[in-house]
Amino acid sequence: MKLSYLDLSPVPLHGTRRQALRQTIETARFLEETGFHRFWVAEHHNSEHFAGRVPEVLIPAIASETEKIRVGSGAVLLNHYSPFKVAEIFSTLTELFPGRIDLGIGRATTGPYSDLALQRNRSYRQTTNDSTEQLVELLSWLTDDFPEDHPFFNEVKVFSDDALPDIFLLGSSEWSARAASRSGLAYTFAAFINPSQAHYITGLYKNLFQPSDKVYGQQQPKLLLSLSIYAHETEKLAVELSAPAQYFFQQFYRGNLKEGLLREEDALEKLKGSELVQRLSDPRQPHRFLVGDITTITRELRTIQETFGADEIIVQLISANQSKKLKSLELLARAME
């Protein structure tokens, strides 16, 4: 089973954004040596706790300090940008690093103020109602594939023959599953966001999938499943590793966005009485956090992968404890070989 990684560049407690970004690059170098297939970086605006806000800047920084691991966006929030500009950026990245660039496409609200700040036209509040049109236009720019009656037909050529990134649609909703299946795209489902609907929505993608002969398309459904995984030598070490992230998201879902990643011991103290470990009972509904010793987590991951028919697992592990995080990922890579 292929393993890949999604990094949000978490800012350590009392640390700096620069420190977080350097740790992201260090993690990419380490995971290349460990055998991970892809390394994706996220786009999170308006957050002092995560430094990963511009994938198009981080991707070349990471690709320049690695040699073979694929590097990409998880995801570029297309609803905020010009498809033409996104096509130019990722075509250029692929020209610089041929055969190594992934374009993960998504959509999301980033918050009422940052959503508006990302807009060029402030006279109205932008929505995601045109997401399908945005996606189609981006794919057309990347492949010079506008129909003859389109205003952009034969106007500007964005791509060169060797400059198409691997393309994925990312999401956690029915819209993304339907859009990916309709375009014949590889699909990455964020199970850590919507675990209860994971099996239904990914099944929808597979059942509705339409093979595509386009250069970016797939002949068969290609499913990448993204999970929050905290595995270590013992369950106790795994719980400690996961505690800051579990506490952060507990507060996040309650609307408290001020606290960042606490120290492990402080997070454990705050989480007293909370259920931090849940064993897999129904592989169709993986828990938001998969926490446990490496043997148990490996067994659960294989069960989830077989149940979903996933081609690849994308690991999300949010921790500012760099050495412990890298050890966890190394254990996972060795166990899943």
Protein backbone atom coordinates (compact mmCIF):
# COMPACT_ATOMS: atom_id res chain seq x y z
CA MET A 1 0.00 0.00 0.00
CA LYS A 2 1.33 3.44 -0.93
CA LEU A 3 1.65 5.95 1.89
CA SER A 4 1.68 9.71 1.38
CA TYR A 5 1.60 12.67 3.74
CA LEU A 6 -0.34 15.92 4.18
CA ASP A 7 1.43 18.67 6.12
CA LEU A 8 -0.21 21.78 7.60
CA SER A 9 3.03 23.28 8.96
CA PRO A 10 1.84 23.55 12.60
CA VAL A 11 3.49 26.33 14.57
CA PRO A 12 5.12 25.02 17.79
CA LEU A 13 4.05 26.51 21.10
CA HIS A 14 6.07 29.75 21.53
CA GLY A 15 7.66 28.94 18.16
CA THR A 16 7.69 30.86 14.88
CA ARG A 17 6.15 30.41 11.47
CA ARG A 18 9.63 30.16 9.98
CA GLN A 19 10.37 27.28 12.34
CA ALA A 20 7.17 25.54 11.25
CA LEU A 21 8.03 25.91 7.56
CA ARG A 22 11.57 24.61 8.06
CA GLN A 23 10.13 21.59 9.89
CA THR A 24 7.86 20.95 6.91
CA ILE A 25 10.86 20.82 4.58
CA GLU A 26 12.76 18.62 7.05
CA THR A 27 9.77 16.27 7.21
CA ALA A 28 9.64 16.04 3.40
CA ARG A 29 13.33 15.12 3.21
CA PHE A 30 12.87 12.48 5.88
CA LEU A 31 9.78 10.95 4.27
CA GLU A 32 11.52 10.73 0.92
CA GLU A 33 14.22 8.62 2.55
CA THR A 34 11.56 6.59 4.38
CA GLY A 35 9.71 5.68 1.18
CA PHE A 36 6.60 7.85 1.22
CA HIS A 37 5.15 8.42 -2.24
CA ARG A 38 3.78 11.99 -2.08
CA PHE A 39 4.16 15.02 0.16
CA TRP A 40 1.31 17.52 0.02
CA VAL A 41 0.98 20.90 1.70
CA ALA A 42 -2.29 22.56 2.69
CA GLU A 43 -3.75 26.02 2.22
CA HIS A 44 -5.00 27.49 5.50
CA HIS A 45 -5.61 31.22 5.72
CA ASN A 46 -6.32 33.38 8.75
CA SER A 47 -4.65 30.99 11.20
CA GLU A 48 -1.79 31.81 13.50
CA HIS A 49 -1.43 28.13 14.38
CA PHE A 50 -0.63 26.79 10.89
CA ALA A 51 1.97 28.33 8.61
CA GLY A 52 0.92 26.43 5.49
CA ARG A 53 -1.03 29.05 3.56
CA VAL A 54 0.57 29.19 0.08
CA PRO A 55 1.19 25.75 -1.49
CA GLU A 56 2.56 27.33 -4.66
CA VAL A 57 5.44 28.79 -2.61
CA LEU A 58 6.09 25.78 -0.39
CA ILE A 59 6.01 23.24 -3.24
CA PRO A 60 9.14 24.52 -5.05
CA ALA A 61 10.93 25.02 -1.73
CA ILE A 62 10.31 21.36 -0.87
CA ALA A 63 10.97 20.04 -4.38
CA SER A 64 14.31 21.88 -4.45
CA GLU A 65 15.47 20.09 -1.31
CA THR A 66 14.27 16.62 -2.33
CA GLU A 67 14.95 14.45 -5.37
CA LYS A 68 12.18 11.98 -6.13
CA ILE A 69 9.18 12.28 -3.80
CA ARG A 70 6.14 13.79 -5.52
CA VAL A 71 5.19 17.21 -4.12
CA GLY A 72 1.83 18.89 -4.38
CA SER A 73 -1.09 20.86 -3.01
CA GLY A 74 -3.62 19.44 -0.64
CA ALA A 75 -5.37 21.55 -1.83
CA VAL A 76 -5.35 24.77 -3.81
CA LEU A 77 -8.70 26.41 -2.96
CA LEU A 78 -9.80 27.05 -6.53
CA ASN A 79 -12.98 28.92 -5.58
CA HIS A 80 -10.81 31.89 -4.56
CA TYR A 81 -8.59 32.11 -7.64
CA SER A 82 -8.42 32.49 -11.38
CA PRO A 83 -8.22 29.05 -13.06
CA PHE A 84 -5.88 30.60 -15.63
CA LYS A 85 -3.42 31.70 -12.95
CA VAL A 86 -3.54 28.33 -11.16
CA ALA A 87 -2.86 26.61 -14.50
CA GLU A 88 0.13 28.89 -15.11
CA ILE A 89 1.56 28.26 -11.64
CA PHE A 90 1.34 24.48 -11.79
CA SER A 91 2.51 24.27 -15.39
CA THR A 92 5.58 26.29 -14.40
CA LEU A 93 6.19 24.08 -11.36
CA THR A 94 6.05 21.01 -13.59
CA GLU A 95 8.48 22.62 -16.03
CA LEU A 96 10.86 23.17 -13.11
CA PHE A 97 10.34 19.72 -11.56
CA PRO A 98 9.10 17.41 -14.34
CA GLY A 99 7.34 14.26 -13.23
CA ARG A 100 7.12 15.30 -9.58
CA ILE A 101 4.29 17.83 -9.20
CA ASP A 102 0.72 17.09 -8.06
CA LEU A 103 -2.14 19.55 -8.36
CA GLY A 104 -4.70 18.82 -5.67
CA ILE A 105 -7.80 20.93 -6.29
CA GLY A 106 -10.29 21.83 -3.57
CA ARG A 107 -12.74 24.46 -2.45
CA ALA A 108 -13.44 25.85 1.01
CA THR A 109 -14.46 28.84 3.01
CA THR A 110 -11.52 30.27 4.94
CA GLY A 111 -13.51 32.58 7.22
CA PRO A 112 -15.74 35.62 6.59
CA TYR A 113 -12.92 38.16 6.50
CA SER A 114 -10.24 36.16 4.70
CA ASP A 115 -12.80 34.97 2.13
CA LEU A 116 -13.52 38.59 1.30
CA ALA A 117 -9.84 39.54 1.42
CA LEU A 118 -9.03 36.86 -1.17
CA GLN A 119 -11.56 38.33 -3.60
CA ARG A 120 -10.58 40.91 -6.15
CA ASN A 121 -14.12 42.26 -6.47
CA ARG A 122 -15.44 43.30 -3.04
CA SER A 123 -18.86 44.43 -4.29
CA TYR A 124 -20.41 41.03 -3.54
CA ARG A 125 -19.66 38.00 -1.39
CA GLN A 126 -18.24 35.20 -3.46
CA THR A 127 -19.81 31.72 -3.21
CA THR A 128 -18.85 28.26 -4.44
CA ASN A 129 -21.83 27.98 -6.79
CA ASP A 130 -19.57 28.05 -9.84
CA SER A 131 -17.12 25.39 -8.60
CA THR A 132 -17.93 23.03 -11.47
CA GLU A 133 -17.30 25.74 -14.04
CA GLN A 134 -14.04 26.69 -12.29
CA LEU A 135 -12.85 23.08 -12.40
CA VAL A 136 -13.73 22.62 -16.08
CA GLU A 137 -11.97 25.86 -17.01
CA LEU A 138 -8.82 24.92 -15.09
CA LEU A 139 -8.63 21.53 -16.81
CA SER A 140 -9.17 23.23 -20.17
CA TRP A 141 -6.36 25.72 -19.59
CA LEU A 142 -3.99 22.95 -18.55
CA THR A 143 -4.62 20.97 -21.74
CA ASP A 144 -5.53 23.66 -24.29
CA ASP A 145 -8.88 21.93 -24.62
CA PHE A 146 -11.50 24.67 -24.96
CA PRO A 147 -14.30 23.99 -27.48
CA GLU A 148 -14.22 26.02 -30.68
CA ASP A 149 -17.11 28.23 -29.61
CA HIS A 150 -15.44 29.17 -26.32
CA PRO A 151 -14.03 32.75 -25.98
CA PHE A 152 -10.67 31.31 -24.83
CA PHE A 153 -10.30 28.91 -27.78
CA ASN A 154 -6.82 29.29 -29.28
CA GLU A 155 -6.19 32.47 -27.29
CA VAL A 156 -3.38 31.55 -24.88
CA LYS A 157 -1.45 28.29 -24.52
CA VAL A 158 -0.65 27.73 -20.86
CA PHE A 159 0.98 24.32 -20.92
CA SER A 160 3.95 22.73 -22.66
CA ASP A 161 4.02 19.10 -23.71
CA ASP A 162 5.87 17.89 -20.62
CA ALA A 163 4.28 20.25 -18.12
CA LEU A 164 1.07 18.65 -16.89
CA PRO A 165 0.97 17.85 -13.17
CA ASP A 166 -0.87 14.83 -11.84
CA ILE A 167 -4.35 16.12 -11.00
CA PHE A 168 -6.60 15.17 -8.08
CA LEU A 169 -9.88 16.53 -6.83
CA LEU A 170 -9.99 16.74 -3.04
CA GLY A 171 -13.08 16.92 -0.90
CA SER A 172 -15.37 15.54 1.79
CA SER A 173 -18.78 16.07 0.19
CA GLU A 174 -21.03 14.60 -2.46
CA TRP A 175 -20.23 17.51 -4.79
CA SER A 176 -16.54 16.61 -4.95
CA ALA A 177 -17.30 12.91 -5.48
CA ARG A 178 -19.70 13.68 -8.33
CA ALA A 179 -17.38 16.24 -9.91
CA ALA A 180 -14.38 13.90 -9.79
CA SER A 181 -16.37 11.00 -11.24
CA ARG A 182 -17.86 13.17 -14.01
CA SER A 183 -14.40 14.40 -15.10
CA GLY A 184 -12.68 11.03 -14.72
CA LEU A 185 -10.32 12.45 -12.11
CA ALA A 186 -8.47 10.77 -9.26
CA TYR A 187 -10.29 11.55 -6.01
CA THR A 188 -8.92 12.22 -2.53
CA PHE A 189 -11.46 11.97 0.28
CA ALA A 190 -10.77 13.70 3.62
CA ALA A 191 -12.08 11.01 5.96
CA PHE A 192 -10.78 12.91 9.00
CA ILE A 193 -13.28 15.69 8.18
CA ASN A 194 -16.33 13.58 7.37
CA PRO A 195 -15.76 10.05 8.72
CA SER A 196 -19.43 9.09 9.05
CA GLN A 197 -20.07 9.63 5.31
CA ALA A 198 -16.72 8.36 4.09
CA HIS A 199 -17.82 5.01 2.71
CA TYR A 200 -21.01 6.34 1.14
CA ILE A 201 -19.36 9.29 -0.63
CA THR A 202 -16.33 7.36 -1.89
CA GLY A 203 -18.73 4.65 -3.08
CA LEU A 204 -20.68 7.32 -4.94
CA TYR A 205 -17.47 8.36 -6.70
CA LYS A 206 -16.73 4.79 -7.78
CA ASN A 207 -20.30 4.00 -8.85
CA LEU A 208 -20.67 7.17 -10.94
CA PHE A 209 -17.13 7.18 -12.35
CA GLN A 210 -16.84 7.92 -16.06
CA PRO A 211 -13.54 6.84 -17.68
CA SER A 212 -11.67 9.68 -19.34
CA ASP A 213 -9.28 9.61 -22.29
CA LYS A 214 -8.06 13.09 -21.40
CA VAL A 215 -4.38 13.31 -20.53
CA TYR A 216 -5.30 14.14 -16.92
CA GLY A 217 -8.04 11.48 -16.72
CA GLN A 218 -8.24 7.96 -15.37
CA GLN A 219 -9.61 4.81 -16.99
CA GLN A 220 -10.59 3.40 -13.59
CA PRO A 221 -11.54 5.12 -10.34
CA LYS A 222 -8.48 6.13 -8.34
CA LEU A 223 -9.19 6.73 -4.66
CA LEU A 224 -6.84 8.26 -2.12
CA LEU A 225 -8.10 8.18 1.46
CA SER A 226 -6.79 10.78 3.91
CA LEU A 227 -6.78 9.81 7.61
CA SER A 228 -5.45 11.27 10.86
CA ILE A 229 -3.03 8.60 12.07
CA TYR A 230 -1.08 8.61 15.34
CA ALA A 231 0.87 5.36 15.74
CA HIS A 232 3.87 4.65 17.95
CA GLU A 233 5.73 1.83 19.67
CA THR A 234 3.14 1.75 22.45
CA GLU A 235 -0.40 3.02 22.78
CA LYS A 236 0.73 5.36 25.57
CA LEU A 237 3.27 7.07 23.27
CA ALA A 238 0.65 7.30 20.51
CA VAL A 239 -1.86 8.93 22.88
CA GLU A 240 0.75 11.44 24.01
CA LEU A 241 1.60 12.26 20.39
CA SER A 242 -2.05 12.76 19.46
CA ALA A 243 -3.13 14.75 22.53
CA PRO A 244 -2.25 18.28 21.30
CA ALA A 245 -4.12 17.73 18.03
CA GLN A 246 -7.09 16.08 19.74
CA TYR A 247 -7.39 18.98 22.17
CA PHE A 248 -6.95 21.57 19.43
CA PHE A 249 -9.76 20.14 17.32
CA GLN A 250 -11.96 19.62 20.37
CA GLN A 251 -11.70 23.38 20.93
CA PHE A 252 -11.97 24.13 17.21
CA TYR A 253 -15.32 22.37 16.90
CA ARG A 254 -16.53 24.32 19.93
CA GLY A 255 -15.64 27.58 18.21
CA ASN A 256 -12.50 28.32 20.24
CA LEU A 257 -9.82 29.18 17.69
CA LYS A 258 -7.38 30.93 20.01
CA GLU A 259 -5.47 28.04 21.55
CA GLY A 260 -2.76 26.47 19.43
CA LEU A 261 -0.96 23.18 19.90
CA LEU A 262 -0.23 22.72 23.60
CA ARG A 263 2.60 20.67 25.01
CA GLU A 264 1.70 17.00 25.18
CA GLU A 265 1.50 16.92 28.97
CA ASP A 266 -0.68 20.05 29.09
CA ALA A 267 -3.02 18.69 26.42
CA LEU A 268 -3.36 15.39 28.28
CA GLU A 269 -4.26 17.27 31.45
CA LYS A 270 -6.94 19.28 29.60
CA LEU A 271 -8.32 16.11 28.02
CA LYS A 272 -8.78 14.18 31.26
CA GLY A 273 -12.01 12.22 31.02
CA SER A 274 -12.09 12.31 27.21
CA GLU A 275 -12.00 9.14 25.13
CA LEU A 276 -8.67 9.46 23.31
CA VAL A 277 -8.48 5.94 21.88
CA GLN A 278 -11.25 4.27 19.90
CA ARG A 279 -10.73 0.91 18.29
CA LEU A 280 -12.10 0.30 14.84
CA SER A 281 -15.51 -1.37 15.01
CA ASP A 282 -16.88 -0.56 11.55
CA PRO A 283 -14.18 0.01 8.87
CA ARG A 284 -16.75 1.88 6.77
CA GLN A 285 -16.67 4.64 9.41
CA PRO A 286 -13.06 5.18 10.50
CA HIS A 287 -12.67 7.37 13.57
CA ARG A 288 -11.56 10.98 13.24
CA PHE A 289 -8.29 10.02 14.99
CA LEU A 290 -6.67 6.61 14.57
CA VAL A 291 -4.51 6.24 17.69
CA GLY A 292 -2.63 3.20 18.93
CA ASP A 293 0.47 1.04 18.90
CA ILE A 294 1.97 0.40 15.49
CA THR A 295 0.79 -3.22 15.27
CA THR A 296 -2.83 -2.31 15.97
CA ILE A 297 -2.85 0.70 13.67
CA THR A 298 -1.27 -1.30 10.84
CA ARG A 299 -3.99 -3.93 11.15
CA GLU A 300 -6.74 -1.29 11.20
CA LEU A 301 -5.27 0.56 8.22
CA ARG A 302 -5.17 -2.59 6.12
CA THR A 303 -8.80 -3.31 7.02
CA ILE A 304 -9.84 0.26 6.09
CA GLN A 305 -7.86 0.14 2.84
CA GLU A 306 -9.47 -3.15 1.80
CA THR A 307 -12.96 -1.98 2.79
CA PHE A 308 -12.69 1.24 0.77
CA GLY A 309 -10.60 -0.20 -2.05
CA ALA A 310 -8.25 2.75 -1.59
CA ASP A 311 -5.24 2.96 -3.88
CA GLU A 312 -3.31 5.08 -1.42
CA ILE A 313 -3.46 6.34 2.18
CA ILE A 314 -2.59 9.96 2.87
CA VAL A 315 -1.48 10.43 6.47
CA GLN A 316 -2.26 13.56 8.44
CA LEU A 317 -0.33 13.83 11.70
CA ILE A 318 -0.41 17.26 13.34
CA SER A 319 2.32 17.61 15.92
CA ALA A 320 4.99 20.14 16.83
CA ASN A 321 7.05 17.37 18.48
CA GLN A 322 9.23 16.86 15.42
CA SER A 323 11.35 13.93 16.58
CA LYS A 324 8.36 11.97 17.88
CA LYS A 325 6.36 12.70 14.74
CA LEU A 326 9.15 11.51 12.43
CA LYS A 327 9.58 8.35 14.51
CA SER A 328 5.86 7.62 14.18
CA LEU A 329 5.95 8.07 10.41
CA GLU A 330 9.04 5.88 10.12
CA LEU A 331 7.35 3.11 12.10
CA LEU A 332 4.28 3.38 9.90
CA ALA A 333 6.27 3.21 6.67
CA ARG A 334 8.20 0.14 7.81
CA ALA A 335 5.08 -1.63 9.07
CA MET A 336 3.14 -1.01 5.86
CA GLU A 337 5.87 -2.18 3.50
